[in-house]
């Protein structure tokens, strides 16, 4: 965040640079607190995988390493017995590697939307190692669920999502505007004897910004795909151009290719909250379905088996390996014949669907493991530092009663000095952006009202000074 150059005469400053500088200042001052919350909570989330594994080591891991695993049917029976209810699982995740537990996941009224109650079963002994709420394809536990919800919505539910969408909507504009100001500063000639009270903060702010630009734009772009309103528009755009993520159809008798709806990749819950058929429950089917999927080539260590939602539906088996190389193939299997009725392969996904998958996994810090986590922490820390430096610059340059600095040009004043075609272009671009990114549009309207109030206060102050 940089404060407009108050040492230059407003009457002689080019309208474009004055407009960019003032907008950059407003974003930092007004949206900055939301960006700061998102960055700090993102840092905490990126550092939590190892903490989670330590906290829930008993549930995630087992000492019976190297033994022959029991059939899934026996593991599911053990989980149901520990649950104390005669209920069919919503999904089962076989132990992905020796020394790890199988997750048998049930619907439960005590957990939130898109969450399940997972029973952790030793695949060799059948011993149940406990139960935990888990969320989505990532399977994160209660500890990380809380941090994730704070990062996305401040633990306020749907209304809280406005904060994260606001931050994501403005971050890329702040970053690109800052880059433009950096280029201008590099090519401008410094005036002798110029006294900049925020020189040190300004220098570091300017140096750090260009290096962190790519990370900020990435955070903004991937964050917007998660958002409610902008994310919905992005999903509709992908649907229009056929860029949706393919998923198998589970309809028996003439299955047709299906696609995930908008934001389904982010929710990571497709089909899991549908009611299952307790009357048709047969634990042995899990072993048979898994065997059919393995024969079809779904050989990832991390795999999930989702039973049919009804008599006219197939079972779904999907790979859930989000680490590089991505393993997200799916198969729909007829439980009566064990025939594969539909199949998707990540290698045949549209490029846009692949980029979406990789972008989500990069943003979550899982695509490249620890290196991915560290890179996220570095860029998020850079954003925190940039914001702190920006506020320091503003505090040192803030107008005071004894200040001799010129009054900064407001957005409205800068735009009024622009050539008519340029001013019209800015207005049209703002309207289009507001339609595409609704939270940005509404907040831009609020920002213009604030800017108008500032301009009015400046006029009254000048009139009072001249009277």
Protein backbone atom coordinates (compact mmCIF):
# COMPACT_ATOMS: atom_id res chain seq x y z
CA UNK A 1 0.00 0.00 0.00
CA UNK A 2 1.45 3.33 -1.01
CA UNK A 3 0.08 6.75 -0.21
CA UNK A 4 -0.43 9.09 -3.17
CA UNK A 5 2.50 11.36 -3.73
CA UNK A 6 1.44 14.37 -1.74
CA UNK A 7 4.56 16.34 -2.55
CA UNK A 8 3.60 16.76 -6.18
CA UNK A 9 1.07 19.39 -7.14
CA UNK A 10 -2.27 17.77 -7.84
CA UNK A 11 -2.82 20.10 -10.73
CA UNK A 12 0.25 18.87 -12.59
CA UNK A 13 0.16 15.15 -11.84
CA UNK A 14 -0.99 13.01 -14.81
CA UNK A 15 -4.52 11.81 -14.18
CA UNK A 16 -3.72 8.14 -14.84
CA UNK A 17 -0.95 7.86 -12.26
CA UNK A 18 -2.99 9.85 -9.74
CA UNK A 19 -5.94 7.51 -10.28
CA UNK A 20 -3.84 4.34 -9.89
CA UNK A 21 -2.03 5.67 -6.83
CA UNK A 22 -5.24 6.70 -5.10
CA UNK A 23 -6.96 3.39 -5.89
CA UNK A 24 -3.92 1.48 -4.63
CA UNK A 25 -4.04 3.52 -1.44
CA UNK A 26 -7.75 2.89 -0.89
CA UNK A 27 -7.36 -0.86 -1.43
CA UNK A 28 -4.55 -1.03 1.08
CA UNK A 29 -6.31 1.11 3.66
CA UNK A 30 -9.83 -0.32 3.42
CA UNK A 31 -9.40 -3.87 2.10
CA UNK A 32 -6.01 -4.38 3.76
CA UNK A 33 -7.44 -5.69 7.07
CA UNK A 34 -9.28 -8.47 5.23
CA UNK A 35 -6.18 -9.30 3.21
CA UNK A 36 -4.19 -9.43 6.45
CA UNK A 37 -6.63 -11.89 8.03
CA UNK A 38 -6.61 -14.09 4.92
CA UNK A 39 -2.80 -14.08 4.75
CA UNK A 40 -2.25 -14.87 8.43
CA UNK A 41 -4.86 -17.63 8.54
CA UNK A 42 -3.46 -19.02 5.29
CA UNK A 43 -0.01 -19.22 6.85
CA UNK A 44 -1.40 -21.14 9.82
CA UNK A 45 -3.31 -23.52 7.54
CA UNK A 46 -0.24 -24.18 5.38
CA UNK A 47 1.74 -25.20 8.47
CA UNK A 48 -0.88 -27.55 9.92
CA UNK A 49 -0.48 -30.89 8.03
CA UNK A 50 2.44 -32.00 10.17
CA UNK A 51 0.73 -30.71 13.33
CA UNK A 52 -2.41 -32.65 12.43
CA UNK A 53 -0.45 -35.86 11.92
CA UNK A 54 1.15 -35.43 15.34
CA UNK A 55 -2.16 -34.62 17.06
CA UNK A 56 -4.00 -37.58 15.55
CA UNK A 57 -1.15 -40.04 15.16
CA UNK A 58 -3.12 -42.71 17.03
CA UNK A 59 -6.03 -42.43 14.60
CA UNK A 60 -4.01 -42.12 11.38
CA UNK A 61 -1.35 -44.78 11.98
CA UNK A 62 -1.04 -48.33 13.28
CA UNK A 63 1.72 -50.49 14.73
CA UNK A 64 0.70 -53.58 12.74
CA UNK A 65 2.92 -52.72 9.80
CA UNK A 66 3.56 -55.49 7.28
CA UNK A 67 0.71 -57.84 8.14
CA UNK A 68 -1.88 -59.12 5.69
CA UNK A 69 -4.86 -56.73 5.55
CA UNK A 70 -8.29 -58.05 6.42
CA UNK A 71 -11.02 -57.89 3.77
CA UNK A 72 -12.74 -54.50 3.68
CA UNK A 73 -15.95 -56.27 4.74
CA UNK A 74 -14.38 -57.23 8.09
CA UNK A 75 -12.98 -53.74 8.60
CA UNK A 76 -16.39 -52.20 7.90
CA UNK A 77 -18.09 -54.57 10.34
CA UNK A 78 -15.61 -53.52 13.03
CA UNK A 79 -16.30 -49.84 12.31
CA UNK A 80 -20.07 -50.33 12.45
CA UNK A 81 -19.79 -52.20 15.73
CA UNK A 82 -17.71 -49.38 17.23
CA UNK A 83 -20.18 -46.82 15.89
CA UNK A 84 -23.01 -48.57 17.68
CA UNK A 85 -25.50 -48.06 14.86
CA UNK A 86 -26.70 -50.39 12.11
CA UNK A 87 -25.81 -47.94 9.36
CA UNK A 88 -24.18 -48.22 5.95
CA UNK A 89 -21.03 -46.14 5.40
CA UNK A 90 -21.18 -43.08 3.15
CA UNK A 91 -17.71 -43.92 1.83
CA UNK A 92 -14.70 -46.11 2.60
CA UNK A 93 -11.05 -45.25 2.09
CA UNK A 94 -8.80 -48.32 2.31
CA UNK A 95 -5.47 -47.81 4.07
CA UNK A 96 -3.30 -46.06 1.45
CA UNK A 97 -0.04 -47.58 2.68
CA UNK A 98 1.27 -50.10 5.24
CA UNK A 99 1.17 -48.64 8.73
CA UNK A 100 -1.86 -46.44 8.02
CA UNK A 101 -5.51 -46.95 8.96
CA UNK A 102 -8.62 -47.46 6.86
CA UNK A 103 -11.28 -44.75 7.06
CA UNK A 104 -14.90 -45.87 7.20
CA UNK A 105 -16.99 -42.72 6.95
CA UNK A 106 -20.55 -42.31 8.19
CA UNK A 107 -23.15 -39.60 8.10
CA UNK A 108 -23.65 -38.09 11.54
CA UNK A 109 -25.81 -35.21 12.84
CA UNK A 110 -22.94 -33.97 15.00
CA UNK A 111 -20.78 -32.93 12.04
CA UNK A 112 -21.16 -30.06 9.57
CA UNK A 113 -22.04 -29.91 5.91
CA UNK A 114 -19.73 -31.94 3.67
CA UNK A 115 -18.27 -33.57 6.77
CA UNK A 116 -18.38 -37.20 7.87
CA UNK A 117 -17.66 -39.08 11.06
CA UNK A 118 -14.69 -41.30 10.19
CA UNK A 119 -13.92 -44.50 12.08
CA UNK A 120 -10.21 -45.33 11.83
CA UNK A 121 -9.65 -49.08 11.54
CA UNK A 122 -6.40 -51.03 11.70
CA UNK A 123 -6.51 -52.95 8.39
CA UNK A 124 -4.55 -55.89 9.82
CA UNK A 125 -6.14 -56.42 13.25
CA UNK A 126 -9.53 -54.78 12.72
CA UNK A 127 -9.04 -52.69 15.86
CA UNK A 128 -10.80 -49.32 15.77
CA UNK A 129 -8.40 -46.49 16.63
CA UNK A 130 -11.06 -43.87 17.28
CA UNK A 131 -13.44 -41.55 15.46
CA UNK A 132 -13.00 -38.01 14.12
CA UNK A 133 -14.96 -35.59 11.93
CA UNK A 134 -13.32 -35.30 8.50
CA UNK A 135 -13.98 -32.90 5.65
CA UNK A 136 -14.04 -33.33 1.88
CA UNK A 137 -11.64 -35.17 -0.36
CA UNK A 138 -8.69 -33.81 1.58
CA UNK A 139 -9.96 -35.67 4.66
CA UNK A 140 -8.75 -32.99 7.04
CA UNK A 141 -9.64 -33.42 10.71
CA UNK A 142 -11.41 -31.16 13.21
CA UNK A 143 -8.23 -29.18 13.96
CA UNK A 144 -7.67 -28.18 10.34
CA UNK A 145 -11.40 -27.89 9.60
CA UNK A 146 -11.60 -25.03 12.12
CA UNK A 147 -8.63 -23.21 10.59
CA UNK A 148 -9.97 -23.81 7.09
CA UNK A 149 -13.38 -22.38 8.01
CA UNK A 150 -11.76 -19.35 9.63
CA UNK A 151 -9.68 -18.75 6.50
CA UNK A 152 -12.75 -19.02 4.26
CA UNK A 153 -15.49 -17.44 6.34
CA UNK A 154 -14.20 -16.27 9.75
CA UNK A 155 -16.31 -19.09 11.29
CA UNK A 156 -19.42 -17.07 10.36
CA UNK A 157 -20.83 -19.51 7.82
CA UNK A 158 -22.12 -18.27 4.46
CA UNK A 159 -22.14 -14.55 5.39
CA UNK A 160 -18.47 -14.79 6.32
CA UNK A 161 -17.54 -15.83 2.80
CA UNK A 162 -17.97 -12.21 1.71
CA UNK A 163 -14.73 -11.33 3.51
CA UNK A 164 -12.61 -13.84 1.58
CA UNK A 165 -14.25 -12.96 -1.73
CA UNK A 166 -13.65 -9.27 -1.03
CA UNK A 167 -9.97 -9.95 -0.36
CA UNK A 168 -9.53 -12.14 -3.45
CA UNK A 169 -11.40 -9.66 -5.66
CA UNK A 170 -9.11 -6.75 -4.84
CA UNK A 171 -5.74 -8.43 -4.33
CA UNK A 172 -4.88 -8.79 -8.02
CA UNK A 173 -5.85 -5.18 -8.72
CA UNK A 174 -3.68 -3.96 -5.85
CA UNK A 175 -0.78 -6.10 -7.08
CA UNK A 176 -0.97 -4.93 -10.71
CA UNK A 177 -1.51 -1.32 -9.67
CA UNK A 178 1.51 -1.54 -7.39
CA UNK A 179 3.57 -2.94 -10.27
CA UNK A 180 2.58 0.01 -12.46
CA UNK A 181 3.59 2.47 -9.74
CA UNK A 182 6.89 0.61 -9.30
CA UNK A 183 7.68 0.95 -13.00
CA UNK A 184 6.82 4.65 -12.87
CA UNK A 185 9.06 5.20 -9.87
CA UNK A 186 11.95 3.37 -11.51
CA UNK A 187 11.77 5.54 -14.62
CA UNK A 188 11.12 8.84 -12.87
CA UNK A 189 13.85 11.25 -11.89
CA UNK A 190 14.17 11.85 -8.14
CA UNK A 191 14.12 15.48 -7.17
CA UNK A 192 16.98 16.77 -5.08
CA UNK A 193 16.21 17.44 -1.45
CA UNK A 194 12.91 15.51 -1.47
CA UNK A 195 12.01 14.61 2.12
CA UNK A 196 10.12 11.31 2.34
CA UNK A 197 9.24 10.46 5.92
CA UNK A 198 8.28 6.95 4.82
CA UNK A 199 11.33 6.42 2.61
CA UNK A 200 12.61 3.22 4.22
CA UNK A 201 9.18 1.59 4.35
CA UNK A 202 8.45 2.77 0.82
CA UNK A 203 11.74 1.38 -0.49
CA UNK A 204 11.13 -2.08 0.99
CA UNK A 205 7.49 -2.03 -0.08
CA UNK A 206 8.56 -1.28 -3.65
CA UNK A 207 11.32 -3.88 -3.68
CA UNK A 208 9.23 -6.69 -2.27
CA UNK A 209 6.13 -6.11 -4.37
CA UNK A 210 7.41 -7.11 -7.84
CA UNK A 211 8.95 -10.32 -6.51
CA UNK A 212 5.72 -11.33 -4.79
CA UNK A 213 3.43 -10.30 -7.66
CA UNK A 214 3.00 -13.77 -9.15
CA UNK A 215 2.04 -15.23 -5.78
CA UNK A 216 -0.51 -12.48 -5.11
CA UNK A 217 -2.16 -12.92 -8.50
CA UNK A 218 -2.21 -16.69 -7.96
CA UNK A 219 -3.84 -16.31 -4.53
CA UNK A 220 -6.43 -13.98 -6.04
CA UNK A 221 -7.26 -16.15 -9.06
CA UNK A 222 -7.55 -19.42 -7.17
CA UNK A 223 -9.35 -17.77 -4.27
CA UNK A 224 -11.97 -16.34 -6.64
CA UNK A 225 -12.75 -19.79 -8.05
CA UNK A 226 -13.68 -20.79 -4.48
CA UNK A 227 -15.89 -17.77 -3.88
CA UNK A 228 -19.68 -17.71 -3.91
CA UNK A 229 -20.51 -15.07 -6.52
CA UNK A 230 -17.38 -14.70 -8.64
CA UNK A 231 -16.82 -18.45 -8.37
CA UNK A 232 -20.34 -19.07 -9.66
CA UNK A 233 -19.67 -16.82 -12.66
CA UNK A 234 -16.38 -18.59 -13.34
CA UNK A 235 -18.18 -21.93 -13.17
CA UNK A 236 -20.79 -20.74 -15.69
CA UNK A 237 -18.04 -19.53 -18.01
CA UNK A 238 -16.30 -22.90 -17.84
CA UNK A 239 -19.58 -24.63 -18.55
CA UNK A 240 -20.21 -22.38 -21.55
CA UNK A 241 -16.87 -23.32 -23.12
CA UNK A 242 -16.99 -26.99 -22.13
CA UNK A 243 -14.19 -26.66 -19.58
CA UNK A 244 -16.01 -28.46 -16.79
CA UNK A 245 -14.29 -31.22 -14.86
CA UNK A 246 -15.54 -34.61 -16.12
CA UNK A 247 -16.96 -37.08 -13.61
CA UNK A 248 -18.52 -40.49 -14.09
CA UNK A 249 -22.26 -40.99 -14.41
CA UNK A 250 -23.65 -43.49 -11.91
CA UNK A 251 -26.96 -43.95 -13.71
CA UNK A 252 -27.50 -47.59 -14.64
CA UNK A 253 -29.05 -48.41 -18.00
CA UNK A 254 -27.69 -45.92 -20.51
CA UNK A 255 -25.17 -43.90 -18.56
CA UNK A 256 -24.30 -40.54 -20.05
CA UNK A 257 -21.13 -38.56 -19.36
CA UNK A 258 -21.46 -36.17 -16.46
CA UNK A 259 -19.64 -33.05 -15.38
CA UNK A 260 -19.06 -31.48 -12.01
CA UNK A 261 -21.09 -28.38 -11.31
CA UNK A 262 -19.58 -24.98 -10.52
CA UNK A 263 -17.22 -25.08 -7.53
CA UNK A 264 -17.56 -28.86 -7.15
CA UNK A 265 -13.80 -29.33 -7.27
CA UNK A 266 -13.48 -27.01 -4.27
CA UNK A 267 -16.20 -28.65 -2.22
CA UNK A 268 -14.69 -32.08 -2.84
CA UNK A 269 -17.89 -33.74 -1.83
CA UNK A 270 -19.73 -34.77 -4.99
CA UNK A 271 -22.24 -37.45 -4.25
CA UNK A 272 -21.15 -38.17 -0.70
CA UNK A 273 -24.09 -36.66 1.17
CA UNK A 274 -26.70 -38.61 -0.80
CA UNK A 275 -28.67 -41.17 1.23
CA UNK A 276 -27.58 -44.78 0.83
CA UNK A 277 -29.65 -47.96 0.81
CA UNK A 278 -29.55 -49.69 4.19
CA UNK A 279 -31.71 -52.53 2.85
CA UNK A 280 -29.15 -53.33 0.14
CA UNK A 281 -26.07 -53.07 2.34
CA UNK A 282 -23.57 -55.89 1.83
CA UNK A 283 -20.04 -55.34 3.22
CA UNK A 284 -18.59 -57.89 0.78
CA UNK A 285 -19.50 -55.62 -2.13
CA UNK A 286 -16.76 -53.18 -1.11
CA UNK A 287 -14.06 -55.78 -1.76
CA UNK A 288 -15.59 -56.80 -5.08
CA UNK A 289 -16.03 -53.22 -6.28
CA UNK A 290 -12.49 -52.31 -5.26
CA UNK A 291 -11.14 -55.34 -7.12
CA UNK A 292 -13.06 -54.34 -10.26
CA UNK A 293 -11.69 -50.81 -10.02
CA UNK A 294 -8.13 -52.08 -9.63
CA UNK A 295 -8.60 -54.27 -12.70
CA UNK A 296 -9.76 -51.17 -14.57
CA UNK A 297 -6.50 -49.40 -13.76
CA UNK A 298 -7.36 -47.30 -10.70
CA UNK A 299 -4.13 -48.16 -8.92
CA UNK A 300 -3.55 -45.08 -6.75
CA UNK A 301 -2.76 -45.66 -3.09
CA UNK A 302 -5.35 -43.08 -2.04
CA UNK A 303 -8.73 -44.28 -3.23
CA UNK A 304 -12.34 -43.89 -2.13
CA UNK A 305 -15.30 -46.25 -2.57
CA UNK A 306 -18.75 -44.61 -2.60
CA UNK A 307 -21.75 -46.99 -2.55
CA UNK A 308 -24.73 -46.54 -4.84
CA UNK A 309 -27.30 -43.90 -3.92
CA UNK A 310 -30.21 -46.08 -4.99
CA UNK A 311 -31.30 -49.21 -6.89
CA UNK A 312 -30.78 -47.53 -10.26
CA UNK A 313 -27.27 -46.31 -9.51
CA UNK A 314 -23.77 -47.67 -9.80
CA UNK A 315 -21.03 -47.54 -7.21
CA UNK A 316 -18.29 -44.96 -7.66
CA UNK A 317 -14.60 -45.55 -7.07
CA UNK A 318 -12.32 -42.55 -7.35
CA UNK A 319 -8.67 -41.83 -6.85
CA UNK A 320 -8.02 -38.99 -4.41
CA UNK A 321 -4.28 -38.49 -4.80
CA UNK A 322 -3.76 -34.73 -4.91
CA UNK A 323 0.04 -34.87 -4.78
CA UNK A 324 2.07 -34.69 -7.98
CA UNK A 325 1.52 -36.57 -10.23
CA UNK A 326 -2.20 -36.01 -9.81
CA UNK A 327 -4.28 -39.17 -9.48
CA UNK A 328 -8.01 -38.43 -9.79
CA UNK A 329 -9.35 -41.09 -12.17
CA UNK A 330 -12.86 -42.41 -11.52
CA UNK A 331 -14.91 -45.48 -12.41
CA UNK A 332 -18.62 -46.25 -12.06
CA UNK A 333 -19.27 -49.94 -11.40
CA UNK A 334 -22.50 -51.91 -11.68
CA UNK A 335 -22.75 -53.79 -8.33
CA UNK A 336 -24.71 -56.64 -9.92
CA UNK A 337 -22.25 -57.50 -12.69
CA UNK A 338 -19.07 -55.68 -11.56
CA UNK A 339 -18.95 -54.16 -15.05
CA UNK A 340 -17.43 -50.70 -15.43
CA UNK A 341 -20.18 -48.56 -16.97
CA UNK A 342 -18.31 -45.24 -17.07
CA UNK A 343 -14.73 -44.10 -16.68
CA UNK A 344 -12.80 -40.83 -16.53
CA UNK A 345 -9.05 -40.33 -16.85
CA UNK A 346 -7.22 -37.22 -15.73
CA UNK A 347 -4.98 -37.37 -18.78
CA UNK A 348 -8.02 -36.70 -21.00
CA UNK A 349 -9.36 -33.76 -18.96
CA UNK A 350 -9.65 -30.37 -20.74
CA UNK A 351 -6.65 -28.15 -20.04
CA UNK A 352 -8.83 -25.72 -18.06
CA UNK A 353 -10.01 -28.57 -15.81
CA UNK A 354 -6.41 -29.69 -15.24
CA UNK A 355 -5.30 -26.14 -14.42
CA UNK A 356 -8.20 -25.79 -11.99
CA UNK A 357 -7.26 -29.04 -10.26
CA UNK A 358 -3.60 -28.06 -10.00
CA UNK A 359 -4.44 -24.52 -8.89
CA UNK A 360 -6.67 -25.76 -6.08
CA UNK A 361 -4.07 -28.24 -4.89
CA UNK A 362 -1.30 -25.63 -5.04
CA UNK A 363 -3.45 -23.20 -3.05
CA UNK A 364 -4.09 -25.89 -0.43
CA UNK A 365 -0.39 -26.73 -0.22
CA UNK A 366 -0.71 -30.40 -1.17
CA UNK A 367 0.50 -30.64 -4.79
CA UNK A 368 4.22 -30.58 -4.01
CA UNK A 369 4.20 -31.44 -0.33
CA UNK A 370 6.45 -29.57 2.09
CA UNK A 371 7.99 -27.43 -0.67
CA UNK A 372 4.49 -26.31 -1.65
CA UNK A 373 3.73 -25.45 1.98
CA UNK A 374 6.91 -23.38 2.34
CA UNK A 375 6.27 -21.45 -0.88
CA UNK A 376 2.75 -20.59 0.31
CA UNK A 377 4.12 -19.41 3.65
CA UNK A 378 6.73 -17.24 1.90
CA UNK A 379 4.21 -15.50 -0.38
CA UNK A 380 1.61 -15.08 2.37
CA UNK A 381 4.29 -13.66 4.68
CA UNK A 382 5.30 -11.26 1.91
CA UNK A 383 1.71 -10.05 1.75
CA UNK A 384 1.66 -9.49 5.51
CA UNK A 385 4.92 -7.53 5.33
CA UNK A 386 3.66 -5.46 2.38
CA UNK A 387 0.51 -4.54 4.28
CA UNK A 388 2.39 -3.62 7.46
CA UNK A 389 4.84 -1.47 5.46
CA UNK A 390 1.94 0.17 3.66
CA UNK A 391 0.23 1.10 6.91
CA UNK A 392 3.53 2.43 8.25
CA UNK A 393 3.87 4.65 5.17
CA UNK A 394 0.33 5.90 5.53
CA UNK A 395 0.80 6.69 9.24
CA UNK A 396 3.95 8.70 8.62
CA UNK A 397 2.46 10.62 5.69
CA UNK A 398 -1.03 11.09 7.10
CA UNK A 399 -2.33 14.66 6.96
CA UNK A 400 -2.04 16.64 10.19
CA UNK A 401 -3.00 20.15 11.21
CA UNK A 402 0.58 21.32 10.78
CA UNK A 403 1.18 19.36 7.56
CA UNK A 404 2.34 21.37 4.54
CA UNK A 405 1.83 18.54 2.06
CA UNK A 406 -0.54 19.07 -0.85
CA UNK A 407 -3.97 17.49 -0.65
CA UNK A 408 -4.01 14.16 -2.54
CA UNK A 409 -6.10 13.87 -5.69
CA UNK A 410 -9.23 11.76 -5.23
CA UNK A 411 -10.42 9.17 -7.74
CA UNK A 412 -13.25 11.40 -8.91
CA UNK A 413 -10.92 14.38 -9.34
CA UNK A 414 -8.40 12.30 -11.29
CA UNK A 415 -11.08 10.86 -13.55
CA UNK A 416 -12.56 14.30 -14.20
CA UNK A 417 -9.20 15.39 -15.69
CA UNK A 418 -9.00 12.42 -18.03
CA UNK A 419 -9.86 12.66 -21.73
CA UNK A 420 -13.47 11.67 -22.28
CA UNK A 421 -12.68 8.37 -24.08
CA UNK A 422 -10.29 7.35 -21.30
CA UNK A 423 -12.78 8.24 -18.57
CA UNK A 424 -15.52 6.33 -20.39
CA UNK A 425 -13.18 3.34 -20.72
CA UNK A 426 -12.52 3.33 -16.97
CA UNK A 427 -16.25 3.48 -16.22
CA UNK A 428 -17.10 0.68 -18.67
CA UNK A 429 -14.26 -1.52 -17.37
CA UNK A 430 -15.44 -0.93 -13.80
CA UNK A 431 -19.01 -1.94 -14.68
CA UNK A 432 -17.86 -5.10 -16.48
CA UNK A 433 -15.58 -6.06 -13.59
CA UNK A 434 -18.41 -5.42 -11.17
CA UNK A 435 -20.69 -7.75 -13.10
CA UNK A 436 -18.05 -10.49 -13.29
CA UNK A 437 -16.93 -10.02 -9.68
CA UNK A 438 -20.07 -8.86 -7.83
CA UNK A 439 -18.44 -8.35 -4.43
CA UNK A 440 -15.81 -6.16 -6.09
CA UNK A 441 -18.59 -4.21 -7.83
CA UNK A 442 -20.50 -3.52 -4.62
CA UNK A 443 -17.37 -2.62 -2.68
CA UNK A 444 -16.23 -0.36 -5.53
CA UNK A 445 -19.51 1.51 -5.21
CA UNK A 446 -18.87 1.97 -1.49
CA UNK A 447 -15.32 3.10 -2.24
CA UNK A 448 -16.61 5.72 -4.72
CA UNK A 449 -19.00 7.04 -2.07
CA UNK A 450 -16.12 7.33 0.39
CA UNK A 451 -14.02 9.04 -2.26
CA UNK A 452 -16.84 11.49 -2.96
CA UNK A 453 -17.12 12.27 0.75
CA UNK A 454 -13.36 12.91 0.89
CA UNK A 455 -13.55 15.23 -2.12
CA UNK A 456 -16.46 17.13 -0.53
CA UNK A 457 -14.55 17.49 2.73
CA UNK A 458 -11.54 18.83 0.83
CA UNK A 459 -13.66 21.48 -0.91
CA UNK A 460 -15.21 22.58 2.37
CA UNK A 461 -11.79 22.75 4.01
CA UNK A 462 -10.42 24.90 1.18
CA UNK A 463 -13.48 27.15 1.31
CA UNK A 464 -13.09 27.55 5.07
CA UNK A 465 -9.37 28.33 4.69
CA UNK A 466 -10.09 31.05 2.09
CA UNK A 467 -12.86 32.67 4.11
